[in-house]
Amino acid sequence: MAAKTLGASGVLYTDRRDFYIHPNVLKELWTDFTPFTTVMANRGVTTGMKDPQYKLFEHRNPWENQRFYNNNDTTSIPGSDTAAEITVDGAVGIKSTADSSWLGLECEIWDSTETTKKGVVVVTTVKDDTTIEVKNMSSTVITPADNDVFIVIGNASGEGTVARNAYGDELEVVWNQAQIFKMPIEVTGTLYEAALRGATKELARLREQKSAEHKIQKENAFLRGRSSIGITGTFGDAGRTTAGGETLRTTMGLITAIEVHGNSSGDDQNNFTIVEGSYKYSNFVDDMEKVFQYVPEDGMKKTFCGPGAMSYWSKMGMQKKSGWDVNISPMKRDKLGFNFKELETSHGMLQLIPTFAMRGPYNKTMLVVSDENLEIMQYRKPKFQANIKTDDAYDGVKDQYFSDEGIGITLIESHKLFTIK
């Protein structure tokens, strides 16, 4: 009689053979998939809120950029003790219209492109809210042109004079709102009791899976969500409701906030576009100057990247023979559990963090954040609600992960968004 073989049919194959090497081990693709939320939570969470809509104060120091502009006045300013009358507008960082608080302001005069310096003057008289008199501090006549910039560099008072009138600015307000996140899990009583392979208990497996799904949906919303009221402009309840008429609120994500409220040019630019074929090292240096103009104490900024952005900077780090001069480190592991690389720039270090939520259409996007101006706002404490369906002796188990949270974004210009095309 021939020897019996390990056949591929019949009861021996379908019921008696054991194909499972690790019957209770389940492999997953993703582990550290919400670094953005992890970083914010590590800085602390704001709790004790009195309302799901919330406001935050912010302030920009006026001395950062004090200036006003020549309003089409071409009157020459003699190089002597003779005053010249100038019509002005567009004041920034000082009283918006001329008054006695302007007296004594010492100003450099630059052309409208701020490339040619014409001289230095002191404001000696304020005639009305658009007309002042100035005296030239040199012997060279200054011939102003429309939109010349008067940049405040100090103030000068005459001997024995009294203090000039004071001027004080006001705080600004931004806002956002909390969003209710719900993630249900449900199995029948029969499935709950079943002993299974792969994961021995299906409810436990689904609890773990839905916990991760709850986290990634919050991460997506904190990055990419859109609030109907924005974070600045006109505050109010925009009146969004569900199909059943219940109030519906969503939080404004940081990427969306920069897209809606950010600047794509100027000193406070925070929305940048990199065109791969034409982006040069000189452009990179100029952009990083704006990124690091508000330098953190440690000179390091956390930067959340889609995989395409990670690839782009890795390639640039290898192109030193092509004029690039940046160093990018090997992959490291943060104590909070996510991977990162360090990109050295001429103005500071970027900690590049691969971010799952920035795949797909955000593949070549990177988001540079200011830790000090970003926080999680928790209206109600997140919780896991077990066995929430019990009416009529329900034969099953239904759980839910619940969060009522949003993010708080202040000083929008301190956060930077780069899109690589």
Protein backbone atom coordinates (compact mmCIF):
# COMPACT_ATOMS: atom_id res chain seq x y z
CA MET A 1 0.00 0.00 0.00
CA ALA A 2 1.35 3.43 -0.96
CA ALA A 3 2.29 5.87 1.79
CA LYS A 4 -0.41 8.35 2.70
CA THR A 5 0.47 11.94 1.69
CA LEU A 6 -0.36 15.37 3.08
CA GLY A 7 -3.15 15.85 0.57
CA ALA A 8 -4.69 19.02 -0.80
CA SER A 9 -8.29 17.86 -0.68
CA GLY A 10 -10.81 16.22 1.61
CA VAL A 11 -11.18 16.42 5.37
CA LEU A 12 -7.43 16.15 5.87
CA TYR A 13 -6.98 19.43 3.99
CA THR A 14 -10.11 21.38 4.98
CA ASP A 15 -10.33 20.47 8.68
CA ARG A 16 -7.30 18.64 10.01
CA ARG A 17 -4.33 20.67 8.79
CA ASP A 18 -3.27 23.76 10.81
CA PHE A 19 -1.96 26.52 8.55
CA TYR A 20 -1.59 29.21 11.24
CA ILE A 21 1.99 29.73 12.43
CA HIS A 22 1.01 32.52 14.86
CA PRO A 23 -2.74 32.09 15.24
CA ASN A 24 -3.13 35.01 17.65
CA VAL A 25 -0.73 37.49 16.07
CA LEU A 26 -2.09 40.24 13.79
CA LYS A 27 0.14 42.55 11.73
CA GLU A 28 -0.77 46.17 10.96
CA LEU A 29 0.79 48.64 8.51
CA TRP A 30 0.73 51.79 10.65
CA THR A 31 1.89 52.58 14.18
CA ASP A 32 2.82 56.27 14.67
CA PHE A 33 0.20 57.84 12.38
CA THR A 34 -0.90 61.01 14.25
CA PRO A 35 2.29 63.00 15.00
CA PHE A 36 0.59 66.39 14.64
CA THR A 37 -1.94 65.66 17.38
CA THR A 38 0.75 63.97 19.49
CA VAL A 39 2.99 67.04 19.38
CA MET A 40 0.14 69.39 20.30
CA ALA A 41 -1.10 67.15 23.12
CA ASN A 42 2.43 66.88 24.54
CA ARG A 43 2.49 70.67 25.01
CA GLY A 44 -0.68 70.46 27.08
CA VAL A 45 -4.40 70.60 26.38
CA THR A 46 -6.63 73.56 27.22
CA THR A 47 -9.64 72.39 29.24
CA GLY A 48 -12.38 74.01 31.30
CA MET A 49 -13.87 75.84 28.33
CA LYS A 50 -17.25 77.47 28.92
CA ASP A 51 -18.50 77.26 25.34
CA PRO A 52 -17.79 75.09 22.25
CA GLN A 53 -17.05 78.30 20.35
CA TYR A 54 -14.01 80.02 21.75
CA LYS A 55 -11.96 83.17 21.29
CA LEU A 56 -8.25 83.74 21.81
CA PHE A 57 -6.32 86.97 22.27
CA GLU A 58 -3.25 87.77 20.21
CA HIS A 59 -1.00 90.80 19.88
CA ARG A 60 1.56 92.02 17.39
CA ASN A 61 4.05 94.48 18.79
CA PRO A 62 3.72 97.79 16.90
CA TRP A 63 7.48 98.36 16.99
CA GLU A 64 7.98 95.45 14.58
CA ASN A 65 7.07 97.64 11.63
CA GLN A 66 6.40 101.35 12.33
CA ARG A 67 5.98 103.41 9.18
CA PHE A 68 3.81 105.71 7.08
CA TYR A 69 3.78 106.73 3.41
CA ASN A 70 4.01 109.87 1.31
CA ASN A 71 0.65 110.51 -0.33
CA ASN A 72 1.67 111.95 -3.72
CA ASP A 73 3.51 114.93 -2.22
CA THR A 74 6.60 116.12 -4.14
CA THR A 75 7.49 119.11 -1.95
CA SER A 76 11.27 119.26 -1.48
CA ILE A 77 12.61 119.04 2.06
CA PRO A 78 15.47 121.58 2.35
CA GLY A 79 18.74 120.66 4.03
CA SER A 80 18.33 123.31 6.73
CA ASP A 81 16.23 124.21 9.77
CA THR A 82 13.28 125.02 7.51
CA ALA A 83 10.28 122.68 7.83
CA ALA A 84 8.55 121.12 4.83
CA GLU A 85 4.90 120.11 4.68
CA ILE A 86 4.15 116.49 3.65
CA THR A 87 0.81 114.76 3.02
CA VAL A 88 0.80 111.20 4.42
CA ASP A 89 -1.30 108.02 4.68
CA GLY A 90 -1.01 104.29 5.35
CA ALA A 91 0.37 104.47 8.89
CA VAL A 92 1.39 101.13 10.45
CA GLY A 93 2.50 100.50 14.03
CA ILE A 94 1.64 104.05 15.16
CA LYS A 95 -1.62 106.00 15.39
CA SER A 96 -3.42 105.33 12.10
CA THR A 97 -3.90 109.06 11.43
CA ALA A 98 -1.46 111.82 12.30
CA ASP A 99 -1.85 113.45 15.71
CA SER A 100 0.37 114.88 18.44
CA SER A 101 1.67 111.38 19.30
CA TRP A 102 3.61 111.62 16.01
CA LEU A 103 5.59 114.66 17.18
CA GLY A 104 9.31 113.98 17.38
CA LEU A 105 9.24 110.76 15.34
CA GLU A 106 12.60 110.29 13.63
CA CYS A 107 12.18 108.60 10.25
CA GLU A 108 14.29 107.30 7.42
CA ILE A 109 12.83 108.05 3.98
CA TRP A 110 13.12 105.25 1.43
CA ASP A 111 11.74 104.93 -2.08
CA SER A 112 8.67 102.74 -2.59
CA THR A 113 10.80 99.65 -3.29
CA GLU A 114 12.82 100.22 -0.10
CA THR A 115 16.08 99.99 -2.03
CA THR A 116 17.12 103.68 -2.13
CA LYS A 117 17.54 105.67 1.08
CA LYS A 118 16.83 109.38 0.63
CA GLY A 119 17.56 110.76 4.08
CA VAL A 120 16.40 111.15 7.69
CA VAL A 121 13.77 113.59 9.00
CA VAL A 122 12.04 114.44 12.28
CA VAL A 123 8.32 115.26 12.55
CA THR A 124 8.06 118.74 14.08
CA THR A 125 4.42 119.70 13.47
CA VAL A 126 1.11 117.90 12.97
CA LYS A 127 -1.30 120.16 11.06
CA ASP A 128 -4.17 117.69 10.66
CA ASP A 129 -4.71 113.94 10.43
CA THR A 130 -3.07 113.71 6.99
CA THR A 131 -0.62 116.62 6.99
CA ILE A 132 2.66 116.94 8.91
CA GLU A 133 5.77 119.09 8.81
CA VAL A 134 9.24 117.56 8.93
CA LYS A 135 12.81 118.85 9.17
CA ASN A 136 15.74 117.35 7.31
CA MET A 137 18.58 116.06 9.52
CA SER A 138 21.22 116.51 6.81
CA SER A 139 22.29 119.29 4.47
CA THR A 140 21.24 117.40 1.35
CA VAL A 141 17.83 118.32 -0.10
CA ILE A 142 15.36 115.42 -0.09
CA THR A 143 12.96 115.21 -3.02
CA PRO A 144 10.12 112.87 -2.06
CA ALA A 145 7.95 110.89 -4.48
CA ASP A 146 4.56 109.25 -4.18
CA ASN A 147 4.57 106.20 -1.89
CA ASP A 148 7.99 106.93 -0.42
CA VAL A 149 8.23 105.08 2.90
CA PHE A 150 8.87 106.91 6.17
CA ILE A 151 10.30 104.20 8.47
CA VAL A 152 10.32 105.17 12.16
CA ILE A 153 13.76 104.68 13.71
CA GLY A 154 13.34 106.63 16.97
CA ASN A 155 12.04 109.83 18.48
CA ALA A 156 13.69 113.13 19.36
CA SER A 157 12.37 115.77 21.78
CA GLY A 158 13.53 119.33 22.20
CA GLU A 159 15.39 120.48 25.30
CA GLY A 160 13.02 121.50 28.09
CA THR A 161 9.87 120.25 26.30
CA VAL A 162 7.03 118.33 27.91
CA ALA A 163 6.12 114.74 27.08
CA ARG A 164 4.18 114.32 23.88
CA ASN A 165 0.77 112.63 23.80
CA ALA A 166 0.75 108.90 24.36
CA TYR A 167 -0.67 106.31 21.98
CA GLY A 168 -1.66 102.77 22.91
CA ASP A 169 -2.73 99.93 20.64
CA GLU A 170 -5.34 97.24 21.33
CA LEU A 171 -5.35 93.45 21.47
CA GLU A 172 -6.73 91.39 18.60
CA VAL A 173 -9.07 88.41 18.78
CA VAL A 174 -9.20 85.17 16.79
CA TRP A 175 -11.51 82.21 17.26
CA ASN A 176 -12.41 78.64 16.37
CA GLN A 177 -14.85 76.03 17.56
CA ALA A 178 -14.89 72.50 18.95
CA GLN A 179 -16.07 69.60 16.84
CA ILE A 180 -17.94 66.55 18.12
CA PHE A 181 -16.20 63.35 16.96
CA LYS A 182 -17.97 60.00 17.44
CA MET A 183 -16.61 56.58 16.46
CA PRO A 184 -18.96 53.61 17.17
CA ILE A 185 -18.05 49.89 17.48
CA GLU A 186 -20.69 47.17 17.50
CA VAL A 187 -20.81 43.35 17.43
CA THR A 188 -23.61 40.90 18.07
CA GLY A 189 -23.66 38.83 21.25
CA THR A 190 -22.88 35.71 19.26
CA LEU A 191 -19.76 37.22 17.67
CA TYR A 192 -18.72 38.66 21.03
CA GLU A 193 -18.52 35.14 22.55
CA ALA A 194 -16.84 33.47 19.57
CA ALA A 195 -13.22 32.25 19.83
CA LEU A 196 -11.40 33.28 16.67
CA ARG A 197 -7.99 33.10 15.05
CA GLY A 198 -5.94 36.10 13.99
CA ALA A 199 -7.46 38.10 16.83
CA THR A 200 -9.10 35.95 19.46
CA LYS A 201 -11.87 38.44 20.24
CA GLU A 202 -13.46 40.53 17.49
CA LEU A 203 -14.70 43.27 19.81
CA ALA A 204 -11.19 43.83 21.16
CA ARG A 205 -9.81 43.98 17.61
CA LEU A 206 -12.44 46.48 16.50
CA ARG A 207 -11.91 48.60 19.60
CA GLU A 208 -8.24 48.95 18.72
CA GLN A 209 -8.98 49.62 15.05
CA LYS A 210 -11.65 52.23 15.75
CA SER A 211 -9.45 53.93 18.33
CA ALA A 212 -6.88 54.45 15.58
CA GLU A 213 -9.58 55.60 13.14
CA HIS A 214 -10.87 58.08 15.72
CA LYS A 215 -7.36 59.49 16.15
CA ILE A 216 -6.62 59.83 12.43
CA GLN A 217 -9.94 61.55 11.76
CA LYS A 218 -9.16 64.08 14.49
CA GLU A 219 -5.68 64.57 13.03
CA ASN A 220 -7.15 65.17 9.56
CA ALA A 221 -9.65 67.66 10.95
CA PHE A 222 -7.01 69.51 12.98
CA LEU A 223 -4.93 69.86 9.83
CA ARG A 224 -7.46 70.12 7.01
CA GLY A 225 -10.89 70.84 8.52
CA ARG A 226 -12.88 73.92 7.52
CA SER A 227 -14.96 75.95 9.96
CA SER A 228 -17.95 77.88 8.67
CA ILE A 229 -16.88 80.89 10.78
CA GLY A 230 -13.13 80.83 10.00
CA ILE A 231 -10.72 82.15 12.64
CA THR A 232 -10.94 85.88 11.92
CA GLY A 233 -13.23 88.33 10.12
CA THR A 234 -16.77 88.24 11.46
CA PHE A 235 -17.50 86.12 14.51
CA GLY A 236 -20.83 84.33 14.82
CA ASP A 237 -22.69 81.08 14.45
CA ALA A 238 -22.83 80.34 10.73
CA GLY A 239 -25.98 78.27 11.18
CA ARG A 240 -24.85 74.85 9.91
CA THR A 241 -27.20 72.02 10.89
CA THR A 242 -27.59 68.28 10.33
CA ALA A 243 -30.42 66.84 8.24
CA GLY A 244 -32.37 66.56 11.50
CA GLY A 245 -31.83 70.21 12.37
CA GLU A 246 -29.21 69.75 15.10
CA THR A 247 -26.40 72.32 15.38
CA LEU A 248 -23.28 71.23 13.48
CA ARG A 249 -19.84 72.67 14.27
CA THR A 250 -16.47 71.89 12.70
CA THR A 251 -13.04 73.13 13.71
CA MET A 252 -10.72 75.07 11.38
CA GLY A 253 -7.58 73.08 10.62
CA LEU A 254 -4.18 74.75 10.45
CA ILE A 255 -3.53 74.06 6.76
CA THR A 256 -6.94 75.44 5.82
CA ALA A 257 -6.47 78.47 8.08
CA ILE A 258 -3.25 79.37 6.25
CA GLU A 259 -4.91 78.82 2.86
CA VAL A 260 -7.83 81.09 3.84
CA HIS A 261 -6.23 83.71 6.10
CA GLY A 262 -2.52 83.55 5.22
CA ASN A 263 -0.30 85.67 2.99
CA SER A 264 1.36 84.54 -0.24
CA SER A 265 3.76 87.51 -0.40
CA GLY A 266 5.36 90.22 1.73
CA ASP A 267 7.35 90.15 4.97
CA ASP A 268 4.67 88.08 6.73
CA GLN A 269 4.36 85.53 3.91
CA ASN A 270 3.34 82.12 5.21
CA ASN A 271 1.92 80.40 2.12
CA PHE A 272 4.74 79.36 -0.23
CA THR A 273 4.84 77.52 -3.56
CA ILE A 274 7.96 75.64 -4.66
CA VAL A 275 8.20 74.90 -8.38
CA GLU A 276 10.61 71.95 -8.56
CA GLY A 277 12.13 72.76 -11.93
CA SER A 278 13.01 76.36 -11.13
CA TYR A 279 13.47 76.46 -7.33
CA LYS A 280 17.05 77.46 -6.56
CA TYR A 281 19.15 77.48 -3.42
CA SER A 282 18.87 81.28 -3.29
CA ASN A 283 15.05 80.95 -3.20
CA PHE A 284 15.37 78.42 -0.40
CA VAL A 285 17.53 80.77 1.68
CA ASP A 286 15.10 83.67 1.15
CA ASP A 287 12.11 81.51 2.13
CA MET A 288 13.85 80.21 5.26
CA GLU A 289 14.59 83.80 6.29
CA LYS A 290 10.84 84.34 6.52
CA VAL A 291 10.27 81.00 8.25
CA PHE A 292 12.75 81.83 11.01
CA GLN A 293 12.10 85.55 11.41
CA TYR A 294 10.37 84.73 14.71
CA VAL A 295 13.17 82.53 16.03
CA PRO A 296 12.28 79.95 18.71
CA GLU A 297 14.74 79.67 21.57
CA ASP A 298 16.16 76.34 20.40
CA GLY A 299 16.27 77.32 16.72
CA MET A 300 14.26 74.21 15.76
CA LYS A 301 10.82 74.18 14.13
CA LYS A 302 8.62 71.08 13.85
CA THR A 303 7.64 70.51 10.23
CA PHE A 304 4.95 68.01 9.21
CA CYS A 305 5.49 66.53 5.75
CA GLY A 306 3.74 64.41 3.18
CA PRO A 307 5.97 61.63 1.77
CA GLY A 308 6.56 63.59 -1.44
CA ALA A 309 7.91 66.55 0.54
CA MET A 310 10.19 64.22 2.52
CA SER A 311 11.49 62.83 -0.79
CA TYR A 312 12.02 66.30 -2.23
CA TRP A 313 14.21 67.52 0.63
CA SER A 314 16.13 64.25 0.70
CA LYS A 315 16.95 64.73 -2.99
CA MET A 316 17.93 68.36 -2.45
CA GLY A 317 20.25 67.31 0.36
CA MET A 318 22.17 65.18 -2.14
CA GLN A 319 22.54 67.90 -4.80
CA LYS A 320 25.46 69.86 -3.36
CA LYS A 321 27.26 69.76 -6.68
CA SER A 322 24.28 71.58 -8.20
CA GLY A 323 24.62 74.59 -5.92
CA TRP A 324 22.56 73.35 -2.98
CA ASP A 325 24.15 73.55 0.45
CA VAL A 326 21.76 71.93 2.92
CA ASN A 327 22.33 68.96 5.19
CA ILE A 328 19.63 66.42 5.98
CA SER A 329 20.13 63.86 8.73
CA PRO A 330 19.35 60.12 8.68
CA MET A 331 15.97 59.11 10.09
CA LYS A 332 15.72 59.44 13.87
CA ARG A 333 13.10 58.55 16.48
CA ASP A 334 11.52 61.14 18.76
CA LYS A 335 10.78 60.32 22.39
CA LEU A 336 7.09 60.82 21.60
CA GLY A 337 7.21 57.86 19.20
CA PHE A 338 7.44 59.34 15.69
CA ASN A 339 10.24 59.31 13.11
CA PHE A 340 11.90 62.46 11.81
CA LYS A 341 14.83 63.89 9.90
CA GLU A 342 16.58 67.19 10.51
CA LEU A 343 17.00 69.68 7.66
CA GLU A 344 19.66 72.28 8.28
CA THR A 345 19.00 75.69 6.76
CA SER A 346 20.96 78.94 6.84
CA HIS A 347 18.58 80.33 9.49
CA GLY A 348 17.67 77.35 11.67
CA MET A 349 16.77 73.66 11.78
CA LEU A 350 13.59 72.04 10.50
CA GLN A 351 12.50 68.79 12.14
CA LEU A 352 10.85 66.97 9.21
CA ILE A 353 8.15 64.59 10.49
CA PRO A 354 6.46 62.12 8.06
CA THR A 355 2.72 62.66 8.52
CA PHE A 356 0.14 60.09 7.43
CA ALA A 357 -2.64 62.71 7.16
CA MET A 358 -0.62 64.54 4.50
CA ARG A 359 -0.67 61.76 1.93
CA GLY A 360 -2.72 61.86 -1.28
CA PRO A 361 -3.40 65.44 -2.43
CA TYR A 362 -1.09 66.76 0.33
CA ASN A 363 1.75 64.41 -0.67
CA LYS A 364 4.10 67.30 -1.53
CA THR A 365 3.02 69.62 1.27
CA MET A 366 4.93 70.60 4.39
CA LEU A 367 3.64 72.54 7.36
CA VAL A 368 6.02 74.45 9.64
CA VAL A 369 4.38 75.17 12.99
CA SER A 370 5.01 77.54 15.86
CA ASP A 371 4.46 75.44 18.98
CA GLU A 372 3.74 78.50 21.09
CA ASN A 373 0.83 79.55 18.88
CA LEU A 374 -1.01 76.24 18.55
CA GLU A 375 -3.01 74.23 21.08
CA ILE A 376 -5.74 71.62 21.46
CA MET A 377 -8.95 73.11 22.85
CA GLN A 378 -10.98 70.50 24.73
CA TYR A 379 -14.60 71.43 25.42
CA ARG A 380 -15.46 68.02 26.86
CA LYS A 381 -13.01 65.38 28.02
CA PRO A 382 -12.52 62.55 25.47
CA LYS A 383 -13.92 59.23 26.63
CA PHE A 384 -14.53 55.65 25.70
CA GLN A 385 -18.20 54.87 26.23
CA ALA A 386 -18.73 51.13 26.72
CA ASN A 387 -21.95 49.18 26.13
CA ILE A 388 -24.08 52.18 25.22
CA LYS A 389 -26.91 50.16 23.61
CA THR A 390 -28.92 48.23 26.23
CA ASP A 391 -32.62 48.83 25.55
CA ASP A 392 -34.91 45.78 25.08
CA ALA A 393 -32.18 43.37 26.19
CA TYR A 394 -30.14 44.03 23.06
CA ASP A 395 -28.14 40.92 22.11
CA GLY A 396 -24.84 42.60 21.36
CA VAL A 397 -22.30 45.16 22.46
CA LYS A 398 -22.03 48.71 21.14
CA ASP A 399 -19.25 51.07 22.25
CA GLN A 400 -18.20 54.55 21.20
CA TYR A 401 -15.13 56.78 21.24
CA PHE A 402 -16.18 60.37 21.90
CA SER A 403 -14.32 63.69 21.64
CA ASP A 404 -15.47 67.30 21.61
CA GLU A 405 -12.33 69.21 20.61
CA GLY A 406 -10.85 71.77 18.29
CA ILE A 407 -7.59 73.61 17.87
CA GLY A 408 -6.57 77.12 18.79
CA ILE A 409 -4.50 79.02 16.23
CA THR A 410 -2.94 82.38 17.04
CA LEU A 411 -0.56 84.65 15.09
CA ILE A 412 -1.26 82.89 11.80
CA GLU A 413 1.87 84.34 10.17
CA SER A 414 4.07 82.33 12.56
CA HIS A 415 2.92 79.08 10.88
CA LYS A 416 4.17 78.33 7.33
CA LEU A 417 2.74 76.18 4.54
CA PHE A 418 4.84 74.97 1.59
CA THR A 419 3.36 73.33 -1.51
CA ILE A 420 5.80 71.65 -3.90
CA LYS A 421 4.68 71.47 -7.54
